[in-house]
Amino acid sequence: MKISLISPYLQPSMLKTGLRLALLASTVTALQACAVVAVADAAVTVVATGVKVTAKAVGAAADAVIPDGDED
């Protein structure tokens, strides 16, 4: 007595179509994950650039306001 793991009602073309759909679904899911990482990376880069520019501006303003202590 043979035990088959594949249903006898599935045709080979149906099995191929199912495998193709599964492959397509997994590919789309993987690409969406890459897109989410790319968007998150872009957001972090924008915030980091904003913080850097703000810190430089605050540093320049502090240097202009606070005297050096050197009296010429």
PDB file of N, CA and C in Angstrom:
ATOM      1  N   MET A   1       0.839  -1.173   0.000  1.00  0.00           N
ATOM      2  CA  MET A   1       0.000   0.000   0.000  1.00  0.00           C
ATOM      3  C   MET A   1       0.884   1.237   0.000  1.00  0.00           C
ATOM      4  N   LYS A   2       0.679   2.087  -1.005  1.00  0.00           N
ATOM      5  CA  LYS A   2       1.446   3.322  -1.102  1.00  0.00           C
ATOM      6  C   LYS A   2       0.679   4.458  -0.440  1.00  0.00           C
ATOM      7  N   ILE A   3       1.413   5.283   0.279  1.00  0.00           N
ATOM      8  CA  ILE A   3       0.815   6.476   0.874  1.00  0.00           C
ATOM      9  C   ILE A   3       1.377   7.678   0.122  1.00  0.00           C
ATOM     10  N   SER A   4       0.494   8.444  -0.438  1.00  0.00           N
ATOM     11  CA  SER A   4       0.901   9.614  -1.206  1.00  0.00           C
ATOM     12  C   SER A   4       0.661  10.875  -0.381  1.00  0.00           C
ATOM     13  N   LEU A   5       1.648  11.767  -0.370  1.00  0.00           N
ATOM     14  CA  LEU A   5       1.499  13.024   0.338  1.00  0.00           C
ATOM     15  C   LEU A   5       0.764  14.060  -0.502  1.00  0.00           C
ATOM     16  N   ILE A   6       0.687  13.832  -1.793  1.00  0.00           N
ATOM     17  CA  ILE A   6      -0.003  14.738  -2.707  1.00  0.00           C
ATOM     18  C   ILE A   6      -1.373  14.158  -2.997  1.00  0.00           C
ATOM     19  N   SER A   7      -2.359  15.014  -2.926  1.00  0.00           N
ATOM     20  CA  SER A   7      -3.724  14.580  -3.168  1.00  0.00           C
ATOM     21  C   SER A   7      -3.866  14.052  -4.594  1.00  0.00           C
ATOM     22  N   PRO A   8      -4.595  12.979  -4.778  1.00  0.00           N
ATOM     23  CA  PRO A   8      -4.785  12.450  -6.137  1.00  0.00           C
ATOM     24  C   PRO A   8      -5.657  13.364  -6.989  1.00  0.00           C
ATOM     25  N   TYR A   9      -6.318  14.328  -6.368  1.00  0.00           N
ATOM     26  CA  TYR A   9      -7.185  15.234  -7.102  1.00  0.00           C
ATOM     27  C   TYR A   9      -6.422  16.414  -7.698  1.00  0.00           C
ATOM     28  N   LEU A  10      -5.190  16.637  -7.268  1.00  0.00           N
ATOM     29  CA  LEU A  10      -4.396  17.735  -7.809  1.00  0.00           C
ATOM     30  C   LEU A  10      -3.756  17.319  -9.124  1.00  0.00           C
ATOM     31  N   GLN A  11      -3.950  18.125 -10.109  1.00  0.00           N
ATOM     32  CA  GLN A  11      -3.303  17.903 -11.393  1.00  0.00           C
ATOM     33  C   GLN A  11      -1.914  18.529 -11.346  1.00  0.00           C
ATOM     34  N   PRO A  12      -0.969  18.035 -12.136  1.00  0.00           N
ATOM     35  CA  PRO A  12       0.379  18.629 -12.143  1.00  0.00           C
ATOM     36  C   PRO A  12       0.373  20.116 -12.483  1.00  0.00           C
ATOM     37  N   SER A  13      -0.529  20.539 -13.372  1.00  0.00           N
ATOM     38  CA  SER A  13      -0.580  21.962 -13.713  1.00  0.00           C
ATOM     39  C   SER A  13      -1.053  22.789 -12.526  1.00  0.00           C
ATOM     40  N   MET A  14      -1.980  22.237 -11.731  1.00  0.00           N
ATOM     41  CA  MET A  14      -2.449  22.940 -10.539  1.00  0.00           C
ATOM     42  C   MET A  14      -1.336  23.056  -9.510  1.00  0.00           C
ATOM     43  N   LEU A  15      -0.545  22.010  -9.400  1.00  0.00           N
ATOM     44  CA  LEU A  15       0.565  22.020  -8.458  1.00  0.00           C
ATOM     45  C   LEU A  15       1.604  23.053  -8.871  1.00  0.00           C
ATOM     46  N   LYS A  16       1.914  23.127 -10.165  1.00  0.00           N
ATOM     47  CA  LYS A  16       2.872  24.122 -10.656  1.00  0.00           C
ATOM     48  C   LYS A  16       2.352  25.534 -10.414  1.00  0.00           C
ATOM     49  N   THR A  17       1.070  25.743 -10.664  1.00  0.00           N
ATOM     50  CA  THR A  17       0.479  27.065 -10.449  1.00  0.00           C
ATOM     51  C   THR A  17       0.549  27.441  -8.972  1.00  0.00           C
ATOM     52  N   GLY A  18       0.272  26.498  -8.119  1.00  0.00           N
ATOM     53  CA  GLY A  18       0.347  26.759  -6.679  1.00  0.00           C
ATOM     54  C   GLY A  18       1.752  27.096  -6.231  1.00  0.00           C
ATOM     55  N   LEU A  19       2.729  26.371  -6.751  1.00  0.00           N
ATOM     56  CA  LEU A  19       4.120  26.650  -6.407  1.00  0.00           C
ATOM     57  C   LEU A  19       4.551  28.022  -6.919  1.00  0.00           C
ATOM     58  N   ARG A  20       4.099  28.368  -8.118  1.00  0.00           N
ATOM     59  CA  ARG A  20       4.425  29.687  -8.671  1.00  0.00           C
ATOM     60  C   ARG A  20       3.816  30.803  -7.831  1.00  0.00           C
ATOM     61  N   LEU A  21       2.573  30.605  -7.424  1.00  0.00           N
ATOM     62  CA  LEU A  21       1.922  31.613  -6.578  1.00  0.00           C
ATOM     63  C   LEU A  21       2.630  31.748  -5.232  1.00  0.00           C
ATOM     64  N   ALA A  22       3.051  30.636  -4.658  1.00  0.00           N
ATOM     65  CA  ALA A  22       3.771  30.680  -3.387  1.00  0.00           C
ATOM     66  C   ALA A  22       5.111  31.401  -3.547  1.00  0.00           C
ATOM     67  N   LEU A  23       5.797  31.124  -4.649  1.00  0.00           N
ATOM     68  CA  LEU A  23       7.070  31.790  -4.916  1.00  0.00           C
ATOM     69  C   LEU A  23       6.863  33.289  -5.120  1.00  0.00           C
ATOM     70  N   LEU A  24       5.831  33.652  -5.866  1.00  0.00           N
ATOM     71  CA  LEU A  24       5.527  35.063  -6.101  1.00  0.00           C
ATOM     72  C   LEU A  24       5.179  35.774  -4.793  1.00  0.00           C
ATOM     73  N   ALA A  25       4.381  35.128  -3.965  1.00  0.00           N
ATOM     74  CA  ALA A  25       3.994  35.730  -2.685  1.00  0.00           C
ATOM     75  C   ALA A  25       5.202  35.932  -1.776  1.00  0.00           C
ATOM     76  N   SER A  26       6.099  34.961  -1.730  1.00  0.00           N
ATOM     77  CA  SER A  26       7.281  35.103  -0.879  1.00  0.00           C
ATOM     78  C   SER A  26       8.227  36.172  -1.422  1.00  0.00           C
ATOM     79  N   THR A  27       8.323  36.285  -2.744  1.00  0.00           N
ATOM     80  CA  THR A  27       9.173  37.318  -3.348  1.00  0.00           C
ATOM     81  C   THR A  27       8.629  38.708  -3.057  1.00  0.00           C
ATOM     82  N   VAL A  28       7.327  38.873  -3.208  1.00  0.00           N
ATOM     83  CA  VAL A  28       6.706  40.172  -2.933  1.00  0.00           C
ATOM     84  C   VAL A  28       6.889  40.551  -1.463  1.00  0.00           C
ATOM     85  N   THR A  29       6.732  39.596  -0.581  1.00  0.00           N
ATOM     86  CA  THR A  29       6.908  39.856   0.845  1.00  0.00           C
ATOM     87  C   THR A  29       8.341  40.275   1.153  1.00  0.00           C
ATOM     88  N   ALA A  30       9.300  39.606   0.548  1.00  0.00           N
ATOM     89  CA  ALA A  30      10.707  39.953   0.777  1.00  0.00           C
ATOM     90  C   ALA A  30      11.019  41.346   0.245  1.00  0.00           C
ATOM     91  N   LEU A  31      10.473  41.690  -0.912  1.00  0.00           N
ATOM     92  CA  LEU A  31      10.719  43.012  -1.473  1.00  0.00           C
ATOM     93  C   LEU A  31      10.062  44.109  -0.644  1.00  0.00           C
ATOM     94  N   GLN A  32       8.905  43.831  -0.078  1.00  0.00           N
ATOM     95  CA  GLN A  32       8.261  44.808   0.793  1.00  0.00           C
ATOM     96  C   GLN A  32       9.110  45.055   2.030  1.00  0.00           C
ATOM     97  N   ALA A  33       9.711  44.005   2.558  1.00  0.00           N
ATOM     98  CA  ALA A  33      10.569  44.168   3.730  1.00  0.00           C
ATOM     99  C   ALA A  33      11.765  45.035   3.383  1.00  0.00           C
ATOM    100  N   CYS A  34      12.329  44.867   2.194  1.00  0.00           N
ATOM    101  CA  CYS A  34      13.450  45.704   1.762  1.00  0.00           C
ATOM    102  C   CYS A  34      13.014  47.158   1.626  1.00  0.00           C
ATOM    103  N   ALA A  35      11.802  47.377   1.123  1.00  0.00           N
ATOM    104  CA  ALA A  35      11.293  48.739   0.965  1.00  0.00           C
ATOM    105  C   ALA A  35      11.122  49.400   2.321  1.00  0.00           C
ATOM    106  N   VAL A  36      10.643  48.659   3.299  1.00  0.00           N
ATOM    107  CA  VAL A  36      10.458  49.210   4.644  1.00  0.00           C
ATOM    108  C   VAL A  36      11.807  49.591   5.236  1.00  0.00           C
ATOM    109  N   VAL A  37      12.809  48.767   5.046  1.00  0.00           N
ATOM    110  CA  VAL A  37      14.149  49.074   5.553  1.00  0.00           C
ATOM    111  C   VAL A  37      14.711  50.305   4.862  1.00  0.00           C
ATOM    112  N   ALA A  38      14.496  50.422   3.563  1.00  0.00           N
ATOM    113  CA  ALA A  38      15.006  51.577   2.822  1.00  0.00           C
ATOM    114  C   ALA A  38      14.343  52.865   3.291  1.00  0.00           C
ATOM    115  N   VAL A  39      13.035  52.841   3.520  1.00  0.00           N
ATOM    116  CA  VAL A  39      12.324  54.033   3.990  1.00  0.00           C
ATOM    117  C   VAL A  39      12.779  54.389   5.399  1.00  0.00           C
ATOM    118  N   ALA A  40      12.941  53.408   6.261  1.00  0.00           N
ATOM    119  CA  ALA A  40      13.407  53.677   7.616  1.00  0.00           C
ATOM    120  C   ALA A  40      14.824  54.250   7.605  1.00  0.00           C
ATOM    121  N   ASP A  41      15.677  53.721   6.740  1.00  0.00           N
ATOM    122  CA  ASP A  41      17.044  54.229   6.622  1.00  0.00           C
ATOM    123  C   ASP A  41      17.046  55.678   6.146  1.00  0.00           C
ATOM    124  N   ALA A  42      16.198  55.985   5.186  1.00  0.00           N
ATOM    125  CA  ALA A  42      16.112  57.360   4.690  1.00  0.00           C
ATOM    126  C   ALA A  42      15.622  58.305   5.784  1.00  0.00           C
ATOM    127  N   ALA A  43      14.657  57.867   6.567  1.00  0.00           N
ATOM    128  CA  ALA A  43      14.141  58.702   7.648  1.00  0.00           C
ATOM    129  C   ALA A  43      15.215  58.963   8.699  1.00  0.00           C
ATOM    130  N   VAL A  44      15.966  57.944   9.050  1.00  0.00           N
ATOM    131  CA  VAL A  44      17.039  58.109  10.039  1.00  0.00           C
ATOM    132  C   VAL A  44      18.118  59.042   9.496  1.00  0.00           C
ATOM    133  N   THR A  45      18.438  58.934   8.225  1.00  0.00           N
ATOM    134  CA  THR A  45      19.439  59.816   7.618  1.00  0.00           C
ATOM    135  C   THR A  45      18.989  61.270   7.647  1.00  0.00           C
ATOM    136  N   VAL A  46      17.720  61.509   7.340  1.00  0.00           N
ATOM    137  CA  VAL A  46      17.196  62.875   7.364  1.00  0.00           C
ATOM    138  C   VAL A  46      17.251  63.449   8.775  1.00  0.00           C
ATOM    139  N   VAL A  47      16.854  62.669   9.753  1.00  0.00           N
ATOM    140  CA  VAL A  47      16.873  63.145  11.142  1.00  0.00           C
ATOM    141  C   VAL A  47      18.308  63.391  11.600  1.00  0.00           C
ATOM    142  N   ALA A  48      19.218  62.500  11.271  1.00  0.00           N
ATOM    143  CA  ALA A  48      20.611  62.665  11.677  1.00  0.00           C
ATOM    144  C   ALA A  48      21.222  63.913  11.042  1.00  0.00           C
ATOM    145  N   THR A  49      20.903  64.165   9.784  1.00  0.00           N
ATOM    146  CA  THR A  49      21.405  65.359   9.110  1.00  0.00           C
ATOM    147  C   THR A  49      20.837  66.615   9.761  1.00  0.00           C
ATOM    148  N   GLY A  50      19.566  66.587  10.106  1.00  0.00           N
ATOM    149  CA  GLY A  50      18.947  67.724  10.796  1.00  0.00           C
ATOM    150  C   GLY A  50      19.584  67.997  12.141  1.00  0.00           C
ATOM    151  N   VAL A  51      19.868  66.952  12.886  1.00  0.00           N
ATOM    152  CA  VAL A  51      20.511  67.115  14.193  1.00  0.00           C
ATOM    153  C   VAL A  51      21.922  67.673  14.025  1.00  0.00           C
ATOM    154  N   LYS A  52      22.651  67.196  13.027  1.00  0.00           N
ATOM    155  CA  LYS A  52      24.011  67.675  12.796  1.00  0.00           C
ATOM    156  C   LYS A  52      24.021  69.159  12.436  1.00  0.00           C
ATOM    157  N   VAL A  53      23.126  69.560  11.540  1.00  0.00           N
ATOM    158  CA  VAL A  53      23.058  70.959  11.134  1.00  0.00           C
ATOM    159  C   VAL A  53      22.662  71.843  12.317  1.00  0.00           C
ATOM    160  N   THR A  54      21.704  71.396  13.107  1.00  0.00           N
ATOM    161  CA  THR A  54      21.274  72.156  14.278  1.00  0.00           C
ATOM    162  C   THR A  54      22.406  72.281  15.291  1.00  0.00           C
ATOM    163  N   ALA A  55      23.135  71.202  15.512  1.00  0.00           N
ATOM    164  CA  ALA A  55      24.241  71.246  16.470  1.00  0.00           C
ATOM    165  C   ALA A  55      25.332  72.212  15.999  1.00  0.00           C
ATOM    166  N   LYS A  56      25.619  72.227  14.717  1.00  0.00           N
ATOM    167  CA  LYS A  56      26.624  73.162  14.190  1.00  0.00           C
ATOM    168  C   LYS A  56      26.157  74.606  14.347  1.00  0.00           C
ATOM    169  N   ALA A  57      24.868  74.847  14.101  1.00  0.00           N
ATOM    170  CA  ALA A  57      24.340  76.202  14.239  1.00  0.00           C
ATOM    171  C   ALA A  57      24.378  76.659  15.691  1.00  0.00           C
ATOM    172  N   VAL A  58      24.013  75.783  16.607  1.00  0.00           N
ATOM    173  CA  VAL A  58      24.053  76.123  18.037  1.00  0.00           C
ATOM    174  C   VAL A  58      25.494  76.344  18.473  1.00  0.00           C
ATOM    175  N   GLY A  59      26.403  75.528  17.993  1.00  0.00           N
ATOM    176  CA  GLY A  59      27.822  75.704  18.335  1.00  0.00           C
ATOM    177  C   GLY A  59      28.369  77.018  17.817  1.00  0.00           C
ATOM    178  N   ALA A  60      27.996  77.385  16.601  1.00  0.00           N
ATOM    179  CA  ALA A  60      28.461  78.656  16.040  1.00  0.00           C
ATOM    180  C   ALA A  60      27.873  79.831  16.819  1.00  0.00           C
ATOM    181  N   ALA A  61      26.609  79.736  17.202  1.00  0.00           N
ATOM    182  CA  ALA A  61      25.980  80.807  17.983  1.00  0.00           C
ATOM    183  C   ALA A  61      26.630  80.913  19.356  1.00  0.00           C
ATOM    184  N   ALA A  62      26.939  79.791  19.968  1.00  0.00           N
ATOM    185  CA  ALA A  62      27.583  79.816  21.286  1.00  0.00           C
ATOM    186  C   ALA A  62      28.983  80.406  21.186  1.00  0.00           C
ATOM    187  N   ASP A  63      29.711  80.076  20.137  1.00  0.00           N
ATOM    188  CA  ASP A  63      31.048  80.638  19.943  1.00  0.00           C
ATOM    189  C   ASP A  63      30.981  82.147  19.733  1.00  0.00           C
ATOM    190  N   ALA A  64      29.932  82.620  19.088  1.00  0.00           N
ATOM    191  CA  ALA A  64      29.794  84.052  18.842  1.00  0.00           C
ATOM    192  C   ALA A  64      29.412  84.794  20.121  1.00  0.00           C
ATOM    193  N   VAL A  65      28.643  84.190  20.996  1.00  0.00           N
ATOM    194  CA  VAL A  65      28.139  84.867  22.195  1.00  0.00           C
ATOM    195  C   VAL A  65      29.127  84.777  23.353  1.00  0.00           C
ATOM    196  N   ILE A  66      29.742  83.616  23.541  1.00  0.00           N
ATOM    197  CA  ILE A  66      30.638  83.407  24.687  1.00  0.00           C
ATOM    198  C   ILE A  66      32.028  83.912  24.330  1.00  0.00           C
ATOM    199  N   PRO A  67      32.568  84.782  25.143  1.00  0.00           N
ATOM    200  CA  PRO A  67      33.915  85.293  24.863  1.00  0.00           C
ATOM    201  C   PRO A  67      34.969  84.208  25.080  1.00  0.00           C
ATOM    202  N   ASP A  68      36.099  84.374  24.365  1.00  0.00           N
ATOM    203  CA  ASP A  68      37.196  83.398  24.461  1.00  0.00           C
ATOM    204  C   ASP A  68      37.965  83.523  25.770  1.00  0.00           C
ATOM    205  N   GLY A  69      37.980  84.672  26.304  1.00  0.00           N
ATOM    206  CA  GLY A  69      38.780  84.884  27.493  1.00  0.00           C
ATOM    207  C   GLY A  69      40.125  85.532  27.142  1.00  0.00           C
ATOM    208  N   ASP A  70      40.460  85.573  25.855  1.00  0.00           N
ATOM    209  CA  ASP A  70      41.682  86.237  25.398  1.00  0.00           C
ATOM    210  C   ASP A  70      41.386  87.724  25.233  1.00  0.00           C
ATOM    211  N   GLU A  71      42.159  88.531  25.919  1.00  0.00           N
ATOM    212  CA  GLU A  71      41.977  89.968  25.767  1.00  0.00           C
ATOM    213  C   GLU A  71      43.164  90.512  25.011  1.00  0.00           C
ATOM    214  N   ASP A  72      42.901  91.016  23.835  1.00  0.00           N
ATOM    215  CA  ASP A  72      43.962  91.559  23.002  1.00  0.00           C
ATOM    216  C   ASP A  72      44.046  93.043  23.132  1.00  0.00           C
TER     217      ASP A  72
END
